[in-house]
Amino acid sequence: IVIILSLFGIALQDFKERNVFLWLLLLSGLSMGAFHFSKVYYQQFI
């Protein structure tokens, strides 16, 4: 849910303002990174 909402937020904001809030990028990166990390071994993630 966080990934979908943050990606959708990035898309909306970039289309409207040609600018993206840093917190949206951080939220998206952290949630996608956590999801990726939860699916693989940590060595593979690194």
All heavy atoms as atom14 arrays in JSON, in Angstrom:
{
  "sequence": "IVIILSLFGIALQDFKERNVFLWLLLLSGLSMGAFHFSKVYYQQFI",
  "atom14_mask": [
    [1, 1, 1, 1, 1, 1, 1, 1, 0, 0, 0, 0, 0, 0],
    [1, 1, 1, 1, 1, 1, 1, 0, 0, 0, 0, 0, 0, 0],
    [1, 1, 1, 1, 1, 1, 1, 1, 0, 0, 0, 0, 0, 0],
    [1, 1, 1, 1, 1, 1, 1, 1, 0, 0, 0, 0, 0, 0],
    [1, 1, 1, 1, 1, 1, 1, 1, 0, 0, 0, 0, 0, 0],
    [1, 1, 1, 1, 1, 1, 0, 0, 0, 0, 0, 0, 0, 0],
    [1, 1, 1, 1, 1, 1, 1, 1, 0, 0, 0, 0, 0, 0],
    [1, 1, 1, 1, 1, 1, 1, 1, 1, 1, 1, 0, 0, 0],
    [1, 1, 1, 1, 0, 0, 0, 0, 0, 0, 0, 0, 0, 0],
    [1, 1, 1, 1, 1, 1, 1, 1, 0, 0, 0, 0, 0, 0],
    [1, 1, 1, 1, 1, 0, 0, 0, 0, 0, 0, 0, 0, 0],
    [1, 1, 1, 1, 1, 1, 1, 1, 0, 0, 0, 0, 0, 0],
    [1, 1, 1, 1, 1, 1, 1, 1, 1, 0, 0, 0, 0, 0],
    [1, 1, 1, 1, 1, 1, 1, 1, 0, 0, 0, 0, 0, 0],
    [1, 1, 1, 1, 1, 1, 1, 1, 1, 1, 1, 0, 0, 0],
    [1, 1, 1, 1, 1, 1, 1, 1, 1, 0, 0, 0, 0, 0],
    [1, 1, 1, 1, 1, 1, 1, 1, 1, 0, 0, 0, 0, 0],
    [1, 1, 1, 1, 1, 1, 1, 1, 1, 1, 1, 0, 0, 0],
    [1, 1, 1, 1, 1, 1, 1, 1, 0, 0, 0, 0, 0, 0],
    [1, 1, 1, 1, 1, 1, 1, 0, 0, 0, 0, 0, 0, 0],
    [1, 1, 1, 1, 1, 1, 1, 1, 1, 1, 1, 0, 0, 0],
    [1, 1, 1, 1, 1, 1, 1, 1, 0, 0, 0, 0, 0, 0],
    [1, 1, 1, 1, 1, 1, 1, 1, 1, 1, 1, 1, 1, 1],
    [1, 1, 1, 1, 1, 1, 1, 1, 0, 0, 0, 0, 0, 0],
    [1, 1, 1, 1, 1, 1, 1, 1, 0, 0, 0, 0, 0, 0],
    [1, 1, 1, 1, 1, 1, 1, 1, 0, 0, 0, 0, 0, 0],
    [1, 1, 1, 1, 1, 1, 1, 1, 0, 0, 0, 0, 0, 0],
    [1, 1, 1, 1, 1, 1, 0, 0, 0, 0, 0, 0, 0, 0],
    [1, 1, 1, 1, 0, 0, 0, 0, 0, 0, 0, 0, 0, 0],
    [1, 1, 1, 1, 1, 1, 1, 1, 0, 0, 0, 0, 0, 0],
    [1, 1, 1, 1, 1, 1, 0, 0, 0, 0, 0, 0, 0, 0],
    [1, 1, 1, 1, 1, 1, 1, 1, 0, 0, 0, 0, 0, 0],
    [1, 1, 1, 1, 0, 0, 0, 0, 0, 0, 0, 0, 0, 0],
    [1, 1, 1, 1, 1, 0, 0, 0, 0, 0, 0, 0, 0, 0],
    [1, 1, 1, 1, 1, 1, 1, 1, 1, 1, 1, 0, 0, 0],
    [1, 1, 1, 1, 1, 1, 1, 1, 1, 1, 0, 0, 0, 0],
    [1, 1, 1, 1, 1, 1, 1, 1, 1, 1, 1, 0, 0, 0],
    [1, 1, 1, 1, 1, 1, 0, 0, 0, 0, 0, 0, 0, 0],
    [1, 1, 1, 1, 1, 1, 1, 1, 1, 0, 0, 0, 0, 0],
    [1, 1, 1, 1, 1, 1, 1, 0, 0, 0, 0, 0, 0, 0],
    [1, 1, 1, 1, 1, 1, 1, 1, 1, 1, 1, 1, 0, 0],
    [1, 1, 1, 1, 1, 1, 1, 1, 1, 1, 1, 1, 0, 0],
    [1, 1, 1, 1, 1, 1, 1, 1, 1, 0, 0, 0, 0, 0],
    [1, 1, 1, 1, 1, 1, 1, 1, 1, 0, 0, 0, 0, 0],
    [1, 1, 1, 1, 1, 1, 1, 1, 1, 1, 1, 0, 0, 0],
    [1, 1, 1, 1, 1, 1, 1, 1, 0, 0, 0, 0, 0, 0]
  ],
  "atom14_positions": [
    [[0.84, -1.21, 0.0], [0.0, 0.0, 0.0], [0.87, 1.25, 0.0], [0.61, 2.2, -0.76], [-0.97, -0.02, 1.21], [-2.02, -1.11, 1.01], [-1.65, 1.34, 1.4], [-2.87, -1.4, 2.23], [0.0, 0.0, 0.0], [0.0, 0.0, 0.0], [0.0, 0.0, 0.0], [0.0, 0.0, 0.0], [0.0, 0.0, 0.0], [0.0, 0.0, 0.0]],
    [[1.9, 1.27, 0.82], [2.8, 2.43, 0.88], [3.5, 2.62, -0.46], [3.63, 3.76, -0.95], [3.82, 2.28, 2.04], [4.89, 3.35, 1.97], [3.12, 2.32, 3.38], [0.0, 0.0, 0.0], [0.0, 0.0, 0.0], [0.0, 0.0, 0.0], [0.0, 0.0, 0.0], [0.0, 0.0, 0.0], [0.0, 0.0, 0.0], [0.0, 0.0, 0.0]],
    [[3.95, 1.54, -1.08], [4.62, 1.63, -2.38], [3.68, 2.22, -3.43], [4.04, 3.16, -4.14], [5.15, 0.24, -2.82], [6.34, -0.17, -1.96], [5.55, 0.25, -4.29], [6.77, -1.62, -2.13], [0.0, 0.0, 0.0], [0.0, 0.0, 0.0], [0.0, 0.0, 0.0], [0.0, 0.0, 0.0], [0.0, 0.0, 0.0], [0.0, 0.0, 0.0]],
    [[2.47, 1.69, -3.52], [1.52, 2.16, -4.52], [1.18, 3.63, -4.3], [1.2, 4.43, -5.24], [0.23, 1.29, -4.51], [0.55, -0.14, -4.93], [-0.85, 1.89, -5.39], [1.15, -0.3, -6.29], [0.0, 0.0, 0.0], [0.0, 0.0, 0.0], [0.0, 0.0, 0.0], [0.0, 0.0, 0.0], [0.0, 0.0, 0.0], [0.0, 0.0, 0.0]],
    [[0.88, 4.0, -3.06], [0.51, 5.39, -2.77], [1.67, 6.35, -3.01], [1.47, 7.44, -3.56], [0.0, 5.51, -1.34], [-1.35, 4.85, -1.05], [-1.71, 4.98, 0.43], [-2.44, 5.44, -1.93], [0.0, 0.0, 0.0], [0.0, 0.0, 0.0], [0.0, 0.0, 0.0], [0.0, 0.0, 0.0], [0.0, 0.0, 0.0], [0.0, 0.0, 0.0]],
    [[2.88, 5.95, -2.63], [4.02, 6.85, -2.82], [4.37, 7.0, -4.31], [4.67, 8.1, -4.77], [5.23, 6.39, -2.02], [5.68, 5.12, -2.43], [0.0, 0.0, 0.0], [0.0, 0.0, 0.0], [0.0, 0.0, 0.0], [0.0, 0.0, 0.0], [0.0, 0.0, 0.0], [0.0, 0.0, 0.0], [0.0, 0.0, 0.0], [0.0, 0.0, 0.0]],
    [[4.3, 5.9, -5.06], [4.56, 6.0, -6.51], [3.5, 6.84, -7.2], [3.81, 7.68, -8.06], [4.62, 4.6, -7.14], [5.84, 3.76, -6.81], [5.69, 2.35, -7.36], [7.11, 4.41, -7.34], [0.0, 0.0, 0.0], [0.0, 0.0, 0.0], [0.0, 0.0, 0.0], [0.0, 0.0, 0.0], [0.0, 0.0, 0.0], [0.0, 0.0, 0.0]],
    [[2.25, 6.64, -6.81], [1.17, 7.44, -7.38], [1.34, 8.91, -7.01], [1.12, 9.8, -7.84], [-0.18, 6.9, -6.91], [-1.35, 7.5, -7.62], [-1.58, 7.22, -8.97], [-2.22, 8.35, -6.96], [-2.65, 7.78, -9.64], [-3.3, 8.92, -7.61], [-3.52, 8.64, -8.96], [0.0, 0.0, 0.0], [0.0, 0.0, 0.0], [0.0, 0.0, 0.0]],
    [[1.76, 9.17, -5.79], [2.02, 10.55, -5.35], [3.14, 11.2, -6.14], [3.06, 12.38, -6.52], [0.0, 0.0, 0.0], [0.0, 0.0, 0.0], [0.0, 0.0, 0.0], [0.0, 0.0, 0.0], [0.0, 0.0, 0.0], [0.0, 0.0, 0.0], [0.0, 0.0, 0.0], [0.0, 0.0, 0.0], [0.0, 0.0, 0.0], [0.0, 0.0, 0.0]],
    [[4.19, 10.45, -6.41], [5.31, 10.96, -7.22], [4.82, 11.31, -8.62], [5.13, 12.37, -9.15], [6.46, 9.94, -7.28], [7.16, 9.85, -5.93], [7.47, 10.3, -8.37], [8.15, 8.7, -5.81], [0.0, 0.0, 0.0], [0.0, 0.0, 0.0], [0.0, 0.0, 0.0], [0.0, 0.0, 0.0], [0.0, 0.0, 0.0], [0.0, 0.0, 0.0]],
    [[4.03, 10.41, -9.2], [3.51, 10.65, -10.55], [2.64, 11.9, -10.57], [2.82, 12.78, -11.44], [2.72, 9.43, -11.04], [0.0, 0.0, 0.0], [0.0, 0.0, 0.0], [0.0, 0.0, 0.0], [0.0, 0.0, 0.0], [0.0, 0.0, 0.0], [0.0, 0.0, 0.0], [0.0, 0.0, 0.0], [0.0, 0.0, 0.0], [0.0, 0.0, 0.0]],
    [[1.71, 12.02, -9.65], [0.82, 13.18, -9.62], [1.6, 14.48, -9.44], [1.37, 15.46, -10.16], [-0.2, 13.05, -8.49], [-1.41, 12.18, -8.76], [-2.29, 12.11, -7.52], [-2.2, 12.72, -9.93], [0.0, 0.0, 0.0], [0.0, 0.0, 0.0], [0.0, 0.0, 0.0], [0.0, 0.0, 0.0], [0.0, 0.0, 0.0], [0.0, 0.0, 0.0]],
    [[2.49, 14.49, -8.48], [3.22, 15.71, -8.21], [4.13, 16.1, -9.36], [4.22, 17.28, -9.71], [4.02, 15.57, -6.92], [4.59, 16.91, -6.49], [5.32, 16.84, -5.19], [5.79, 15.79, -4.79], [5.42, 17.97, -4.53], [0.0, 0.0, 0.0], [0.0, 0.0, 0.0], [0.0, 0.0, 0.0], [0.0, 0.0, 0.0], [0.0, 0.0, 0.0]],
    [[4.78, 15.15, -9.97], [5.69, 15.47, -11.08], [4.9, 15.96, -12.3], [5.35, 16.86, -13.0], [6.55, 14.25, -11.44], [7.83, 14.64, -12.16], [8.22, 15.83, -12.1], [8.44, 13.76, -12.78], [0.0, 0.0, 0.0], [0.0, 0.0, 0.0], [0.0, 0.0, 0.0], [0.0, 0.0, 0.0], [0.0, 0.0, 0.0], [0.0, 0.0, 0.0]],
    [[3.74, 15.37, -12.56], [2.92, 15.84, -13.68], [2.41, 17.25, -13.44], [2.38, 18.07, -14.36], [1.74, 14.9, -13.94], [2.07, 13.74, -14.81], [2.22, 12.47, -14.27], [2.24, 13.9, -16.17], [2.53, 11.39, -15.07], [2.56, 12.82, -16.99], [2.69, 11.57, -16.44], [0.0, 0.0, 0.0], [0.0, 0.0, 0.0], [0.0, 0.0, 0.0]],
    [[1.99, 17.54, -12.21], [1.41, 18.84, -11.91], [2.45, 19.94, -11.78], [2.27, 21.03, -12.3], [0.58, 18.77, -10.63], [-0.75, 18.07, -10.79], [-1.46, 17.91, -9.48], [-2.12, 19.19, -9.07], [-2.91, 19.05, -7.83], [0.0, 0.0, 0.0], [0.0, 0.0, 0.0], [0.0, 0.0, 0.0], [0.0, 0.0, 0.0], [0.0, 0.0, 0.0]],
    [[3.53, 19.67, -11.05], [4.47, 20.72, -10.67], [5.88, 20.57, -11.23], [6.7, 21.46, -11.02], [4.55, 20.79, -9.14], [3.22, 21.04, -8.48], [3.29, 20.93, -6.97], [4.39, 21.02, -6.41], [2.23, 20.74, -6.36], [0.0, 0.0, 0.0], [0.0, 0.0, 0.0], [0.0, 0.0, 0.0], [0.0, 0.0, 0.0], [0.0, 0.0, 0.0]],
    [[6.16, 19.46, -11.89], [7.52, 19.14, -12.36], [8.51, 19.21, -11.2], [9.64, 19.66, -11.34], [8.0, 20.1, -13.46], [7.27, 20.05, -14.74], [7.38, 18.67, -15.39], [6.88, 18.69, -16.73], [5.61, 18.63, -17.06], [4.7, 18.54, -16.14], [5.24, 18.64, -18.31], [0.0, 0.0, 0.0], [0.0, 0.0, 0.0], [0.0, 0.0, 0.0]],
    [[8.03, 18.75, -10.07], [8.81, 18.77, -8.85], [8.28, 17.65, -7.96], [7.08, 17.41, -7.95], [8.65, 20.12, -8.16], [9.72, 20.4, -7.15], [10.59, 19.57, -6.93], [9.64, 21.55, -6.51], [0.0, 0.0, 0.0], [0.0, 0.0, 0.0], [0.0, 0.0, 0.0], [0.0, 0.0, 0.0], [0.0, 0.0, 0.0], [0.0, 0.0, 0.0]],
    [[9.14, 16.98, -7.25], [8.7, 15.9, -6.38], [9.25, 16.14, -4.98], [10.43, 16.47, -4.81], [9.19, 14.52, -6.89], [8.75, 13.4, -5.98], [8.7, 14.28, -8.31], [0.0, 0.0, 0.0], [0.0, 0.0, 0.0], [0.0, 0.0, 0.0], [0.0, 0.0, 0.0], [0.0, 0.0, 0.0], [0.0, 0.0, 0.0], [0.0, 0.0, 0.0]],
    [[8.39, 16.0, -3.98], [8.83, 16.15, -2.6], [9.87, 15.09, -2.28], [9.71, 13.92, -2.63], [7.67, 16.0, -1.62], [6.71, 17.15, -1.61], [5.35, 16.92, -1.65], [7.15, 18.47, -1.55], [4.45, 17.96, -1.62], [6.26, 19.52, -1.53], [4.9, 19.27, -1.57], [0.0, 0.0, 0.0], [0.0, 0.0, 0.0], [0.0, 0.0, 0.0]],
    [[10.91, 15.51, -1.58], [11.96, 14.58, -1.17], [11.4, 13.49, -0.27], [11.79, 12.32, -0.38], [13.09, 15.34, -0.48], [14.29, 14.52, -0.02], [14.94, 13.82, -1.2], [15.28, 15.38, 0.71], [0.0, 0.0, 0.0], [0.0, 0.0, 0.0], [0.0, 0.0, 0.0], [0.0, 0.0, 0.0], [0.0, 0.0, 0.0], [0.0, 0.0, 0.0]],
    [[10.47, 13.82, 0.6], [9.91, 12.82, 1.52], [9.16, 11.73, 0.76], [9.16, 10.58, 1.19], [9.05, 13.46, 2.61], [7.77, 14.08, 2.15], [7.56, 15.38, 1.81], [6.51, 13.41, 1.97], [6.24, 15.57, 1.43], [5.58, 14.38, 1.52], [6.08, 12.11, 2.14], [4.26, 14.07, 1.25], [4.75, 11.8, 1.87], [3.86, 12.78, 1.43]],
    [[8.54, 12.07, -0.38], [7.87, 11.06, -1.19], [8.88, 10.1, -1.81], [8.65, 8.89, -1.84], [7.06, 11.72, -2.31], [5.59, 11.92, -2.09], [4.96, 12.65, -3.27], [4.87, 10.65, -1.81], [0.0, 0.0, 0.0], [0.0, 0.0, 0.0], [0.0, 0.0, 0.0], [0.0, 0.0, 0.0], [0.0, 0.0, 0.0], [0.0, 0.0, 0.0]],
    [[9.98, 10.65, -2.29], [11.04, 9.8, -2.85], [11.65, 8.91, -1.76], [11.9, 7.73, -1.99], [12.11, 10.66, -3.52], [11.67, 11.34, -4.81], [12.62, 12.47, -5.18], [11.57, 10.34, -5.93], [0.0, 0.0, 0.0], [0.0, 0.0, 0.0], [0.0, 0.0, 0.0], [0.0, 0.0, 0.0], [0.0, 0.0, 0.0], [0.0, 0.0, 0.0]],
    [[11.87, 9.49, -0.58], [12.42, 8.7, 0.54], [11.45, 7.6, 0.95], [11.87, 6.45, 1.17], [12.73, 9.61, 1.73], [13.97, 10.48, 1.61], [14.04, 11.47, 2.77], [15.22, 9.63, 1.55], [0.0, 0.0, 0.0], [0.0, 0.0, 0.0], [0.0, 0.0, 0.0], [0.0, 0.0, 0.0], [0.0, 0.0, 0.0], [0.0, 0.0, 0.0]],
    [[10.18, 7.94, 1.07], [9.17, 6.95, 1.45], [9.1, 5.82, 0.42], [9.07, 4.65, 0.77], [7.8, 7.63, 1.6], [6.65, 6.73, 2.01], [6.88, 6.16, 3.41], [5.34, 7.51, 1.97], [0.0, 0.0, 0.0], [0.0, 0.0, 0.0], [0.0, 0.0, 0.0], [0.0, 0.0, 0.0], [0.0, 0.0, 0.0], [0.0, 0.0, 0.0]],
    [[9.12, 6.2, -0.84], [9.08, 5.21, -1.91], [10.34, 4.33, -1.89], [10.26, 3.11, -1.98], [8.94, 5.92, -3.26], [8.84, 5.01, -4.3], [0.0, 0.0, 0.0], [0.0, 0.0, 0.0], [0.0, 0.0, 0.0], [0.0, 0.0, 0.0], [0.0, 0.0, 0.0], [0.0, 0.0, 0.0], [0.0, 0.0, 0.0], [0.0, 0.0, 0.0]],
    [[11.49, 4.96, -1.75], [12.74, 4.21, -1.71], [12.84, 3.28, -0.52], [13.24, 2.12, -0.65], [0.0, 0.0, 0.0], [0.0, 0.0, 0.0], [0.0, 0.0, 0.0], [0.0, 0.0, 0.0], [0.0, 0.0, 0.0], [0.0, 0.0, 0.0], [0.0, 0.0, 0.0], [0.0, 0.0, 0.0], [0.0, 0.0, 0.0], [0.0, 0.0, 0.0]],
    [[12.44, 3.77, 0.65], [12.49, 2.93, 1.85], [11.51, 1.77, 1.77], [11.85, 0.64, 2.13], [12.22, 3.77, 3.1], [13.33, 4.72, 3.52], [12.86, 5.64, 4.66], [14.57, 3.97, 3.92], [0.0, 0.0, 0.0], [0.0, 0.0, 0.0], [0.0, 0.0, 0.0], [0.0, 0.0, 0.0], [0.0, 0.0, 0.0], [0.0, 0.0, 0.0]],
    [[10.3, 2.03, 1.29], [9.31, 0.95, 1.23], [9.67, -0.07, 0.15], [9.57, -1.28, 0.38], [7.91, 1.51, 1.01], [7.83, 2.29, -0.16], [0.0, 0.0, 0.0], [0.0, 0.0, 0.0], [0.0, 0.0, 0.0], [0.0, 0.0, 0.0], [0.0, 0.0, 0.0], [0.0, 0.0, 0.0], [0.0, 0.0, 0.0], [0.0, 0.0, 0.0]],
    [[10.13, 0.4, -1.02], [10.52, -0.54, -2.07], [11.78, -1.31, -1.66], [11.91, -2.5, -1.94], [10.73, 0.19, -3.4], [9.43, 0.62, -4.04], [9.62, 1.59, -5.54], [10.45, 0.45, -6.62], [0.0, 0.0, 0.0], [0.0, 0.0, 0.0], [0.0, 0.0, 0.0], [0.0, 0.0, 0.0], [0.0, 0.0, 0.0], [0.0, 0.0, 0.0]],
    [[12.71, -0.6, -1.0], [13.91, -1.27, -0.51], [13.59, -2.32, 0.54], [14.14, -3.42, 0.53], [0.0, 0.0, 0.0], [0.0, 0.0, 0.0], [0.0, 0.0, 0.0], [0.0, 0.0, 0.0], [0.0, 0.0, 0.0], [0.0, 0.0, 0.0], [0.0, 0.0, 0.0], [0.0, 0.0, 0.0], [0.0, 0.0, 0.0], [0.0, 0.0, 0.0]],
    [[12.68, -1.99, 1.45], [12.28, -2.95, 2.49], [11.58, -4.15, 1.87], [11.81, -5.3, 2.29], [11.36, -2.26, 3.51], [0.0, 0.0, 0.0], [0.0, 0.0, 0.0], [0.0, 0.0, 0.0], [0.0, 0.0, 0.0], [0.0, 0.0, 0.0], [0.0, 0.0, 0.0], [0.0, 0.0, 0.0], [0.0, 0.0, 0.0], [0.0, 0.0, 0.0]],
    [[10.75, -3.9, 0.87], [10.06, -5.01, 0.21], [11.05, -5.91, -0.52], [10.99, -7.13, -0.41], [9.0, -4.46, -0.76], [8.01, -5.49, -1.2], [6.99, -5.9, -0.34], [8.08, -6.06, -2.45], [6.07, -6.86, -0.72], [7.17, -7.02, -2.85], [6.16, -7.43, -1.98], [0.0, 0.0, 0.0], [0.0, 0.0, 0.0], [0.0, 0.0, 0.0]],
    [[11.99, -5.29, -1.23], [13.04, -6.04, -1.93], [13.86, -6.83, -0.91], [14.11, -8.04, -1.1], [13.91, -5.06, -2.71], [15.09, -5.68, -3.4], [16.11, -4.93, -3.89], [15.42, -6.96, -3.69], [17.02, -5.72, -4.45], [16.62, -6.95, -4.33], [0.0, 0.0, 0.0], [0.0, 0.0, 0.0], [0.0, 0.0, 0.0], [0.0, 0.0, 0.0]],
    [[14.26, -6.18, 0.18], [15.07, -6.82, 1.21], [14.35, -8.02, 1.83], [14.97, -9.03, 2.16], [15.43, -5.8, 2.29], [16.42, -6.3, 3.3], [17.78, -6.3, 3.02], [16.0, -6.76, 4.53], [18.7, -6.76, 3.93], [16.92, -7.23, 5.47], [18.27, -7.23, 5.17], [0.0, 0.0, 0.0], [0.0, 0.0, 0.0], [0.0, 0.0, 0.0]],
    [[13.01, -7.91, 1.96], [12.25, -9.0, 2.57], [12.11, -10.21, 1.64], [11.76, -11.29, 2.1], [10.86, -8.51, 2.97], [10.04, -8.31, 1.84], [0.0, 0.0, 0.0], [0.0, 0.0, 0.0], [0.0, 0.0, 0.0], [0.0, 0.0, 0.0], [0.0, 0.0, 0.0], [0.0, 0.0, 0.0], [0.0, 0.0, 0.0], [0.0, 0.0, 0.0]],
    [[12.41, -10.04, 0.36], [12.23, -11.13, -0.61], [13.51, -11.86, -0.96], [13.47, -12.91, -1.59], [11.6, -10.59, -1.9], [10.26, -9.93, -1.72], [9.25, -10.93, -1.23], [7.9, -10.27, -1.01], [6.97, -11.12, -0.33], [0.0, 0.0, 0.0], [0.0, 0.0, 0.0], [0.0, 0.0, 0.0], [0.0, 0.0, 0.0], [0.0, 0.0, 0.0]],
    [[14.67, -11.31, -0.58], [15.96, -11.91, -0.95], [16.87, -11.97, 0.27], [16.6, -11.38, 1.3], [16.65, -11.11, -2.09], [15.79, -11.1, -3.35], [16.98, -9.7, -1.67], [0.0, 0.0, 0.0], [0.0, 0.0, 0.0], [0.0, 0.0, 0.0], [0.0, 0.0, 0.0], [0.0, 0.0, 0.0], [0.0, 0.0, 0.0], [0.0, 0.0, 0.0]],
    [[17.98, -12.71, 0.13], [19.0, -12.73, 1.17], [19.7, -11.38, 1.2], [19.84, -10.72, 0.17], [20.03, -13.83, 0.91], [19.45, -15.22, 1.0], [19.36, -16.02, -0.12], [18.99, -15.72, 2.21], [18.82, -17.3, -0.05], [18.46, -16.99, 2.3], [18.38, -17.77, 1.17], [17.85, -19.02, 1.25], [0.0, 0.0, 0.0], [0.0, 0.0, 0.0]],
    [[20.17, -10.97, 2.38], [20.75, -9.64, 2.5], [22.0, -9.46, 1.64], [22.25, -8.38, 1.12], [21.01, -9.27, 3.97], [22.24, -9.9, 4.59], [23.45, -9.23, 4.57], [22.17, -11.14, 5.2], [24.57, -9.8, 5.13], [23.28, -11.72, 5.77], [24.48, -11.04, 5.73], [25.6, -11.61, 6.29], [0.0, 0.0, 0.0], [0.0, 0.0, 0.0]],
    [[22.78, -10.54, 1.44], [23.96, -10.43, 0.58], [23.54, -10.13, -0.87], [24.18, -9.33, -1.56], [24.8, -11.72, 0.6], [25.37, -12.08, 1.92], [24.5, -13.08, 2.67], [23.29, -13.18, 2.47], [25.12, -13.84, 3.57], [0.0, 0.0, 0.0], [0.0, 0.0, 0.0], [0.0, 0.0, 0.0], [0.0, 0.0, 0.0], [0.0, 0.0, 0.0]],
    [[22.49, -10.79, -1.3], [21.98, -10.55, -2.65], [21.45, -9.12, -2.77], [21.64, -8.46, -3.79], [20.89, -11.56, -3.0], [20.37, -11.42, -4.41], [19.22, -12.38, -4.71], [18.8, -13.15, -3.87], [18.72, -12.3, -5.92], [0.0, 0.0, 0.0], [0.0, 0.0, 0.0], [0.0, 0.0, 0.0], [0.0, 0.0, 0.0], [0.0, 0.0, 0.0]],
    [[20.77, -8.65, -1.74], [20.26, -7.28, -1.75], [21.41, -6.28, -1.91], [21.33, -5.37, -2.74], [19.48, -7.0, -0.45], [19.01, -5.58, -0.32], [17.86, -5.16, -0.98], [19.71, -4.67, 0.45], [17.42, -3.85, -0.87], [19.28, -3.36, 0.57], [18.14, -2.95, -0.09], [0.0, 0.0, 0.0], [0.0, 0.0, 0.0], [0.0, 0.0, 0.0]],
    [[22.46, -6.44, -1.12], [23.61, -5.53, -1.18], [24.28, -5.6, -2.55], [24.55, -4.56, -3.18], [24.64, -5.85, -0.07], [24.02, -5.71, 1.31], [25.9, -5.01, -0.22], [23.62, -4.31, 1.69], [0.0, 0.0, 0.0], [0.0, 0.0, 0.0], [0.0, 0.0, 0.0], [0.0, 0.0, 0.0], [0.0, 0.0, 0.0], [0.0, 0.0, 0.0]]
  ]
}
